[in-house]
Amino acid sequence: MIIPNRIHVSITKARMVREAKGRVLSCKRSLAKGSRTSSGSSTRLGNQSATQRLINNLLGQSSTTAAAQLAENRAKQVVYNRMETAAGRTARSAENLLKTGENSIFGQQDEAQIKKEAVAEIKNFVNNYNLLLGHLNSSGENTDTAYSKKLSAYVTGGARVLEKIGITAGDSGVLSLDEKKLKEAELADIRAVFHGEDSFAEKVRKQAEDIRNMAEEKIADLEKSSYYRSTNYTRYGTSVTGYDTGSYHLKA
């Protein structure tokens, strides 16, 4: 069928108008969608940035906390290494005085030689005892305070016999030795304090051994804790130089 030119032109114009309107509508929809997407992306980026900042802040706090704990562990390790050393020395001094047999201090026949060796070892004992007591009091731990009180109780209980041979205790429990009085003391009085199963020396020896074992366990626990915290600390890329987890076996 042949359509007159005027009608054909009208139809063509109408179709073109519809197509143009459709393209305009489609374009508007695309622009609206793009705007929403852009806005959503911007919001997400903003949120992500804030979240990242929070995470970074938390990581920074974790690093600071780990460093502080490592430093605290190290300080405690120093105290317990010194405590372990002092406890070992105190126990050995007591053992030397408690030994029996011909080669022991009190097993000799020459009383002058007995007195000479006993005085030298008692001086060592008093010095090591005072170091041990100082480390127990400086740690601030309840267990260590309890050990300190036990040692002080032994001194208080034996105050009379200790004083007879020149040993007295101050308010803090620290022992003082009057060497002149010790040298002039009766050998039987010295034996009563430092030789025998129920003597002052034996009580302190047992306590010193317990303290040494306790200190060794504390050191091991602190080293484990430091290793764990160092592992977590370095996970954030922060140096732990100065907080290494090795042993700190410093002398008393």
C-alpha atoms as a PDB file:
ATOM      1  CA  MET A   1       0.000   0.000   0.000  1.00  0.00           C
ATOM      2  CA  ILE A   2       1.323   3.462  -0.907  1.00  0.00           C
ATOM      3  CA  ILE A   3       1.130   6.072   1.920  1.00  0.00           C
ATOM      4  CA  PRO A   4       0.871   9.712   0.896  1.00  0.00           C
ATOM      5  CA  ASN A   5       4.045  11.723   1.585  1.00  0.00           C
ATOM      6  CA  ARG A   6       2.384  14.075   4.108  1.00  0.00           C
ATOM      7  CA  ILE A   7       1.191  11.176   6.312  1.00  0.00           C
ATOM      8  CA  HIS A   8       4.503   9.400   6.000  1.00  0.00           C
ATOM      9  CA  VAL A   9       6.365  12.492   7.126  1.00  0.00           C
ATOM     10  CA  SER A  10       4.061  12.898  10.136  1.00  0.00           C
ATOM     11  CA  ILE A  11       4.586   9.284  11.218  1.00  0.00           C
ATOM     12  CA  THR A  12       8.327   9.601  10.811  1.00  0.00           C
ATOM     13  CA  LYS A  13       8.450  12.774  12.905  1.00  0.00           C
ATOM     14  CA  ALA A  14       6.357  11.184  15.656  1.00  0.00           C
ATOM     15  CA  ARG A  15       8.670   8.157  15.778  1.00  0.00           C
ATOM     16  CA  MET A  16      11.736  10.353  15.948  1.00  0.00           C
ATOM     17  CA  VAL A  17      10.230  12.393  18.796  1.00  0.00           C
ATOM     18  CA  ARG A  18       9.451   9.194  20.765  1.00  0.00           C
ATOM     19  CA  GLU A  19      12.979   7.902  20.246  1.00  0.00           C
ATOM     20  CA  ALA A  20      14.465  11.217  21.317  1.00  0.00           C
ATOM     21  CA  LYS A  21      12.326  11.279  24.454  1.00  0.00           C
ATOM     22  CA  GLY A  22      13.369   7.719  25.191  1.00  0.00           C
ATOM     23  CA  ARG A  23      17.034   8.571  24.885  1.00  0.00           C
ATOM     24  CA  VAL A  24      16.612  11.623  27.125  1.00  0.00           C
ATOM     25  CA  LEU A  25      14.807   9.535  29.775  1.00  0.00           C
ATOM     26  CA  SER A  26      17.412   6.814  29.567  1.00  0.00           C
ATOM     27  CA  CYS A  27      20.158   9.375  29.965  1.00  0.00           C
ATOM     28  CA  LYS A  28      18.460  10.902  33.013  1.00  0.00           C
ATOM     29  CA  ARG A  29      18.102   7.475  34.614  1.00  0.00           C
ATOM     30  CA  SER A  30      21.762   6.707  33.989  1.00  0.00           C
ATOM     31  CA  LEU A  31      22.819  10.019  35.473  1.00  0.00           C
ATOM     32  CA  ALA A  32      20.634   9.471  38.556  1.00  0.00           C
ATOM     33  CA  LYS A  33      22.011   5.969  39.028  1.00  0.00           C
ATOM     34  CA  GLY A  34      25.564   7.190  38.614  1.00  0.00           C
ATOM     35  CA  SER A  35      24.983   9.913  41.155  1.00  0.00           C
ATOM     36  CA  ARG A  36      23.653   7.424  43.699  1.00  0.00           C
ATOM     37  CA  THR A  37      26.541   5.060  43.026  1.00  0.00           C
ATOM     38  CA  SER A  38      29.060   7.855  43.345  1.00  0.00           C
ATOM     39  CA  SER A  39      27.480   9.048  46.573  1.00  0.00           C
ATOM     40  CA  GLY A  40      27.407   5.512  48.010  1.00  0.00           C
ATOM     41  CA  SER A  41      31.010   4.902  47.006  1.00  0.00           C
ATOM     42  CA  SER A  42      32.065   8.173  48.585  1.00  0.00           C
ATOM     43  CA  THR A  43      30.270   7.258  51.793  1.00  0.00           C
ATOM     44  CA  ARG A  44      31.859   3.821  51.836  1.00  0.00           C
ATOM     45  CA  LEU A  45      35.269   5.303  51.203  1.00  0.00           C
ATOM     46  CA  GLY A  46      34.687   7.768  54.007  1.00  0.00           C
ATOM     47  CA  ASN A  47      33.569   4.996  56.336  1.00  0.00           C
ATOM     48  CA  GLN A  48      36.438   2.803  55.276  1.00  0.00           C
ATOM     49  CA  SER A  49      38.869   5.612  55.953  1.00  0.00           C
ATOM     50  CA  ALA A  50      37.407   6.180  59.428  1.00  0.00           C
ATOM     51  CA  THR A  51      37.510   2.446  60.153  1.00  0.00           C
ATOM     52  CA  GLN A  52      41.087   2.231  59.018  1.00  0.00           C
ATOM     53  CA  ARG A  53      41.995   5.147  61.213  1.00  0.00           C
ATOM     54  CA  LEU A  54      40.374   3.388  64.177  1.00  0.00           C
ATOM     55  CA  ILE A  55      42.241   0.161  63.426  1.00  0.00           C
ATOM     56  CA  ASN A  56      45.515   2.021  63.095  1.00  0.00           C
ATOM     57  CA  ASN A  57      44.856   3.750  66.399  1.00  0.00           C
ATOM     58  CA  LEU A  58      44.094   0.460  68.117  1.00  0.00           C
ATOM     59  CA  LEU A  59      47.210  -1.108  66.661  1.00  0.00           C
ATOM     60  CA  GLY A  60      49.216   1.817  67.942  1.00  0.00           C
ATOM     61  CA  GLN A  61      47.722   1.376  71.398  1.00  0.00           C
ATOM     62  CA  SER A  62      48.481  -2.354  71.255  1.00  0.00           C
ATOM     63  CA  SER A  63      52.077  -1.594  70.335  1.00  0.00           C
ATOM     64  CA  THR A  64      52.414   0.839  73.226  1.00  0.00           C
ATOM     65  CA  THR A  65      50.845  -1.639  75.658  1.00  0.00           C
ATOM     66  CA  ALA A  66      53.112  -4.453  74.460  1.00  0.00           C
ATOM     67  CA  ALA A  67      56.200  -2.289  74.815  1.00  0.00           C
ATOM     68  CA  ALA A  68      55.222  -1.267  78.345  1.00  0.00           C
ATOM     69  CA  GLN A  69      54.581  -4.882  79.341  1.00  0.00           C
ATOM     70  CA  LEU A  70      57.895  -6.011  77.873  1.00  0.00           C
ATOM     71  CA  ALA A  71      59.704  -3.308  79.836  1.00  0.00           C
ATOM     72  CA  GLU A  72      57.887  -4.321  83.024  1.00  0.00           C
ATOM     73  CA  ASN A  73      58.733  -7.991  82.431  1.00  0.00           C
ATOM     74  CA  ARG A  74      62.373  -7.129  81.917  1.00  0.00           C
ATOM     75  CA  ALA A  75      62.511  -5.135  85.157  1.00  0.00           C
ATOM     76  CA  LYS A  76      60.935  -8.048  87.046  1.00  0.00           C
ATOM     77  CA  GLN A  77      63.360 -10.507  85.467  1.00  0.00           C
ATOM     78  CA  VAL A  78      66.270  -8.425  86.741  1.00  0.00           C
ATOM     79  CA  VAL A  79      64.844  -8.506  90.278  1.00  0.00           C
ATOM     80  CA  TYR A  80      64.178 -12.259  90.212  1.00  0.00           C
ATOM     81  CA  ASN A  81      67.573 -13.099  88.716  1.00  0.00           C
ATOM     82  CA  ARG A  82      69.228 -11.153  91.513  1.00  0.00           C
ATOM     83  CA  MET A  83      66.906 -12.784  94.031  1.00  0.00           C
ATOM     84  CA  GLU A  84      67.780 -16.234  92.690  1.00  0.00           C
ATOM     85  CA  THR A  85      71.496 -15.472  92.948  1.00  0.00           C
ATOM     86  CA  ALA A  86      71.230 -14.110  96.507  1.00  0.00           C
ATOM     87  CA  ALA A  87      69.075 -17.065  97.606  1.00  0.00           C
ATOM     88  CA  GLY A  88      71.609 -19.526  96.183  1.00  0.00           C
ATOM     89  CA  ARG A  89      74.503 -17.802  97.922  1.00  0.00           C
ATOM     90  CA  THR A  90      72.627 -17.641 101.225  1.00  0.00           C
ATOM     91  CA  ALA A  91      71.824 -21.342 101.022  1.00  0.00           C
ATOM     92  CA  ARG A  92      75.459 -22.214 100.224  1.00  0.00           C
ATOM     93  CA  SER A  93      76.781 -20.144 103.136  1.00  0.00           C
ATOM     94  CA  ALA A  94      74.364 -21.912 105.466  1.00  0.00           C
ATOM     95  CA  GLU A  95      75.335 -25.309 104.031  1.00  0.00           C
ATOM     96  CA  ASN A  96      79.035 -24.616 104.616  1.00  0.00           C
ATOM     97  CA  LEU A  97      78.299 -23.893 108.272  1.00  0.00           C
ATOM     98  CA  LEU A  98      75.979 -26.892 108.633  1.00  0.00           C
ATOM     99  CA  LYS A  99      78.329 -29.478 107.105  1.00  0.00           C
ATOM    100  CA  THR A 100      79.589 -32.283 109.272  1.00  0.00           C
ATOM    101  CA  GLY A 101      82.696 -34.455 109.065  1.00  0.00           C
ATOM    102  CA  GLU A 102      86.418 -33.935 109.401  1.00  0.00           C
ATOM    103  CA  ASN A 103      86.658 -31.510 106.487  1.00  0.00           C
ATOM    104  CA  SER A 104      83.767 -29.337 107.674  1.00  0.00           C
ATOM    105  CA  ILE A 105      84.223 -26.061 109.542  1.00  0.00           C
ATOM    106  CA  PHE A 106      82.978 -27.401 112.862  1.00  0.00           C
ATOM    107  CA  GLY A 107      84.488 -30.867 112.346  1.00  0.00           C
ATOM    108  CA  GLN A 108      88.064 -29.683 112.848  1.00  0.00           C
ATOM    109  CA  GLN A 109      90.066 -30.209 116.033  1.00  0.00           C
ATOM    110  CA  ASP A 110      91.733 -26.800 116.227  1.00  0.00           C
ATOM    111  CA  GLU A 111      89.260 -24.419 117.869  1.00  0.00           C
ATOM    112  CA  ALA A 112      91.150 -21.336 116.726  1.00  0.00           C
ATOM    113  CA  GLN A 113      90.885 -22.512 113.125  1.00  0.00           C
ATOM    114  CA  ILE A 114      87.206 -23.334 113.589  1.00  0.00           C
ATOM    115  CA  LYS A 115      86.578 -19.832 114.920  1.00  0.00           C
ATOM    116  CA  LYS A 116      88.541 -18.219 112.074  1.00  0.00           C
ATOM    117  CA  GLU A 117      86.675 -20.108 109.304  1.00  0.00           C
ATOM    118  CA  ALA A 118      83.309 -19.780 111.028  1.00  0.00           C
ATOM    119  CA  VAL A 119      83.674 -16.007 111.365  1.00  0.00           C
ATOM    120  CA  ALA A 120      84.573 -15.669 107.653  1.00  0.00           C
ATOM    121  CA  GLU A 121      81.589 -17.777 106.552  1.00  0.00           C
ATOM    122  CA  ILE A 122      79.167 -16.058 108.917  1.00  0.00           C
ATOM    123  CA  LYS A 123      80.170 -12.704 107.410  1.00  0.00           C
ATOM    124  CA  ASN A 124      79.305 -14.121 103.962  1.00  0.00           C
ATOM    125  CA  PHE A 125      76.042 -15.488 105.318  1.00  0.00           C
ATOM    126  CA  VAL A 126      74.959 -12.127 106.784  1.00  0.00           C
ATOM    127  CA  ASN A 127      75.841 -10.228 103.586  1.00  0.00           C
ATOM    128  CA  ASN A 128      73.966 -12.680 101.364  1.00  0.00           C
ATOM    129  CA  TYR A 129      70.991 -12.804 103.735  1.00  0.00           C
ATOM    130  CA  ASN A 130      70.684  -9.000 103.622  1.00  0.00           C
ATOM    131  CA  LEU A 131      70.866  -8.969  99.807  1.00  0.00           C
ATOM    132  CA  LEU A 132      68.174 -11.636  99.629  1.00  0.00           C
ATOM    133  CA  LEU A 133      65.936  -9.775 102.052  1.00  0.00           C
ATOM    134  CA  GLY A 134      66.371  -6.565 100.052  1.00  0.00           C
ATOM    135  CA  HIS A 135      65.326  -8.234  96.782  1.00  0.00           C
ATOM    136  CA  LEU A 136      62.303  -9.833  98.438  1.00  0.00           C
ATOM    137  CA  ASN A 137      61.180  -6.472  99.818  1.00  0.00           C
ATOM    138  CA  SER A 138      61.779  -4.600  96.550  1.00  0.00           C
ATOM    139  CA  SER A 139      59.697  -6.872  94.311  1.00  0.00           C
ATOM    140  CA  GLY A 140      56.347  -5.829  95.800  1.00  0.00           C
ATOM    141  CA  GLU A 141      54.853  -9.298  95.176  1.00  0.00           C
ATOM    142  CA  ASN A 142      52.733 -10.853  97.918  1.00  0.00           C
ATOM    143  CA  THR A 143      54.589 -14.166  97.738  1.00  0.00           C
ATOM    144  CA  ASP A 144      57.946 -12.443  98.175  1.00  0.00           C
ATOM    145  CA  THR A 145      56.643 -10.401 101.093  1.00  0.00           C
ATOM    146  CA  ALA A 146      55.510 -13.640 102.747  1.00  0.00           C
ATOM    147  CA  TYR A 147      59.014 -15.125 102.384  1.00  0.00           C
ATOM    148  CA  SER A 148      60.508 -11.946 103.834  1.00  0.00           C
ATOM    149  CA  LYS A 149      58.218 -12.200 106.857  1.00  0.00           C
ATOM    150  CA  LYS A 150      59.230 -15.836 107.428  1.00  0.00           C
ATOM    151  CA  LEU A 151      62.921 -14.936 107.416  1.00  0.00           C
ATOM    152  CA  SER A 152      62.291 -12.043 109.798  1.00  0.00           C
ATOM    153  CA  ALA A 153      60.334 -14.389 112.065  1.00  0.00           C
ATOM    154  CA  TYR A 154      63.363 -16.703 112.308  1.00  0.00           C
ATOM    155  CA  VAL A 155      65.502 -13.728 113.325  1.00  0.00           C
ATOM    156  CA  THR A 156      62.959 -12.618 115.913  1.00  0.00           C
ATOM    157  CA  GLY A 157      62.641 -16.144 117.304  1.00  0.00           C
ATOM    158  CA  GLY A 158      66.398 -16.510 117.661  1.00  0.00           C
ATOM    159  CA  ALA A 159      67.113 -12.919 118.680  1.00  0.00           C
ATOM    160  CA  ARG A 160      68.597 -13.835 122.071  1.00  0.00           C
ATOM    161  CA  VAL A 161      71.133 -16.376 120.817  1.00  0.00           C
ATOM    162  CA  LEU A 162      71.936 -14.267 117.752  1.00  0.00           C
ATOM    163  CA  GLU A 163      72.703 -11.261 119.926  1.00  0.00           C
ATOM    164  CA  LYS A 164      75.066 -13.330 122.059  1.00  0.00           C
ATOM    165  CA  ILE A 165      77.338 -13.801 119.057  1.00  0.00           C
ATOM    166  CA  GLY A 166      77.044 -10.207 117.777  1.00  0.00           C
ATOM    167  CA  ILE A 167      74.155 -10.439 115.291  1.00  0.00           C
ATOM    168  CA  THR A 168      71.201  -8.046 115.605  1.00  0.00           C
ATOM    169  CA  ALA A 169      68.367  -6.970 113.298  1.00  0.00           C
ATOM    170  CA  GLY A 170      67.138  -3.480 112.473  1.00  0.00           C
ATOM    171  CA  ASP A 171      63.522  -2.399 111.971  1.00  0.00           C
ATOM    172  CA  SER A 172      63.616  -3.475 108.313  1.00  0.00           C
ATOM    173  CA  GLY A 173      64.935  -6.929 109.274  1.00  0.00           C
ATOM    174  CA  VAL A 174      68.433  -6.267 107.906  1.00  0.00           C
ATOM    175  CA  LEU A 175      71.114  -8.004 109.980  1.00  0.00           C
ATOM    176  CA  SER A 176      74.067  -6.212 111.530  1.00  0.00           C
ATOM    177  CA  LEU A 177      77.212  -8.063 112.565  1.00  0.00           C
ATOM    178  CA  ASP A 178      79.557  -7.020 115.338  1.00  0.00           C
ATOM    179  CA  GLU A 179      82.635  -8.891 114.155  1.00  0.00           C
ATOM    180  CA  LYS A 180      84.585  -8.217 117.359  1.00  0.00           C
ATOM    181  CA  LYS A 181      81.801  -9.670 119.491  1.00  0.00           C
ATOM    182  CA  LEU A 182      81.533 -12.677 117.162  1.00  0.00           C
ATOM    183  CA  LYS A 183      85.238 -13.426 117.477  1.00  0.00           C
ATOM    184  CA  GLU A 184      84.989 -13.200 121.253  1.00  0.00           C
ATOM    185  CA  ALA A 185      81.830 -15.362 121.480  1.00  0.00           C
ATOM    186  CA  GLU A 186      81.870 -18.870 122.900  1.00  0.00           C
ATOM    187  CA  LEU A 187      82.230 -21.542 120.229  1.00  0.00           C
ATOM    188  CA  ALA A 188      79.264 -23.408 121.738  1.00  0.00           C
ATOM    189  CA  ASP A 189      77.064 -20.329 121.195  1.00  0.00           C
ATOM    190  CA  ILE A 190      78.175 -20.040 117.574  1.00  0.00           C
ATOM    191  CA  ARG A 191      77.411 -23.742 117.045  1.00  0.00           C
ATOM    192  CA  ALA A 192      73.947 -23.278 118.534  1.00  0.00           C
ATOM    193  CA  VAL A 193      73.092 -20.698 115.863  1.00  0.00           C
ATOM    194  CA  PHE A 194      74.838 -22.104 112.796  1.00  0.00           C
ATOM    195  CA  HIS A 195      75.220 -25.845 113.315  1.00  0.00           C
ATOM    196  CA  GLY A 196      72.494 -28.429 113.825  1.00  0.00           C
ATOM    197  CA  GLU A 197      69.193 -29.636 112.342  1.00  0.00           C
ATOM    198  CA  ASP A 198      67.024 -27.129 114.206  1.00  0.00           C
ATOM    199  CA  SER A 199      69.462 -24.225 114.092  1.00  0.00           C
ATOM    200  CA  PHE A 200      68.843 -20.739 112.703  1.00  0.00           C
ATOM    201  CA  ALA A 201      71.138 -21.560 109.766  1.00  0.00           C
ATOM    202  CA  GLU A 202      69.130 -24.656 108.812  1.00  0.00           C
ATOM    203  CA  LYS A 203      65.821 -22.787 108.877  1.00  0.00           C
ATOM    204  CA  VAL A 204      67.212 -20.042 106.662  1.00  0.00           C
ATOM    205  CA  ARG A 205      68.816 -22.580 104.315  1.00  0.00           C
ATOM    206  CA  LYS A 206      65.497 -24.326 103.673  1.00  0.00           C
ATOM    207  CA  GLN A 207      63.746 -21.028 103.110  1.00  0.00           C
ATOM    208  CA  ALA A 208      66.486 -19.815 100.758  1.00  0.00           C
ATOM    209  CA  GLU A 209      66.165 -22.990  98.675  1.00  0.00           C
ATOM    210  CA  ASP A 210      62.408 -22.439  98.378  1.00  0.00           C
ATOM    211  CA  ILE A 211      62.982 -18.820  97.345  1.00  0.00           C
ATOM    212  CA  ARG A 212      65.531 -19.838  94.722  1.00  0.00           C
ATOM    213  CA  ASN A 213      63.115 -22.356  93.203  1.00  0.00           C
ATOM    214  CA  MET A 214      60.316 -19.783  93.228  1.00  0.00           C
ATOM    215  CA  ALA A 215      62.543 -17.195  91.539  1.00  0.00           C
ATOM    216  CA  GLU A 216      63.515 -19.684  88.808  1.00  0.00           C
ATOM    217  CA  GLU A 217      59.837 -20.354  88.079  1.00  0.00           C
ATOM    218  CA  LYS A 218      59.083 -16.626  87.970  1.00  0.00           C
ATOM    219  CA  ILE A 219      61.913 -16.037  85.510  1.00  0.00           C
ATOM    220  CA  ALA A 220      60.645 -18.820  83.234  1.00  0.00           C
ATOM    221  CA  ASP A 221      57.091 -17.420  83.313  1.00  0.00           C
ATOM    222  CA  LEU A 222      58.300 -13.904  82.549  1.00  0.00           C
ATOM    223  CA  GLU A 223      60.404 -15.131  79.625  1.00  0.00           C
ATOM    224  CA  LYS A 224      57.385 -16.933  78.168  1.00  0.00           C
ATOM    225  CA  SER A 225      55.241 -13.832  78.587  1.00  0.00           C
ATOM    226  CA  SER A 226      57.897 -11.637  76.973  1.00  0.00           C
ATOM    227  CA  TYR A 227      58.233 -14.029  74.042  1.00  0.00           C
ATOM    228  CA  TYR A 228      54.467 -14.039  73.479  1.00  0.00           C
ATOM    229  CA  ARG A 229      54.198 -10.265  73.674  1.00  0.00           C
ATOM    230  CA  SER A 230      57.253  -9.739  71.481  1.00  0.00           C
ATOM    231  CA  THR A 231      55.695 -11.957  68.813  1.00  0.00           C
ATOM    232  CA  ASN A 232      52.486  -9.919  68.851  1.00  0.00           C
ATOM    233  CA  TYR A 233      54.336  -6.646  69.046  1.00  0.00           C
ATOM    234  CA  THR A 234      56.492  -7.250  65.988  1.00  0.00           C
ATOM    235  CA  ARG A 235      53.407  -8.322  64.072  1.00  0.00           C
ATOM    236  CA  TYR A 236      52.669  -4.603  63.766  1.00  0.00           C
ATOM    237  CA  GLY A 237      56.100  -3.883  62.378  1.00  0.00           C
ATOM    238  CA  THR A 238      57.356  -2.128  65.476  1.00  0.00           C
ATOM    239  CA  SER A 239      60.897  -2.705  66.736  1.00  0.00           C
ATOM    240  CA  VAL A 240      61.389  -4.382  70.090  1.00  0.00           C
ATOM    241  CA  THR A 241      65.048  -3.417  70.376  1.00  0.00           C
ATOM    242  CA  GLY A 242      65.918  -3.092  74.028  1.00  0.00           C
ATOM    243  CA  TYR A 243      63.188  -5.507  75.102  1.00  0.00           C
ATOM    244  CA  ASP A 244      64.679  -8.745  73.949  1.00  0.00           C
ATOM    245  CA  THR A 245      63.500 -11.872  75.675  1.00  0.00           C
ATOM    246  CA  GLY A 246      66.811 -13.398  76.619  1.00  0.00           C
ATOM    247  CA  SER A 247      67.809 -14.170  80.170  1.00  0.00           C
ATOM    248  CA  TYR A 248      68.952 -11.357  82.404  1.00  0.00           C
ATOM    249  CA  HIS A 249      71.176 -13.287  84.790  1.00  0.00           C
ATOM    250  CA  LEU A 250      72.602 -10.361  86.684  1.00  0.00           C
ATOM    251  CA  LYS A 251      74.510 -10.873  89.874  1.00  0.00           C
ATOM    252  CA  ALA A 252      73.090  -9.801  93.211  1.00  0.00           C
END
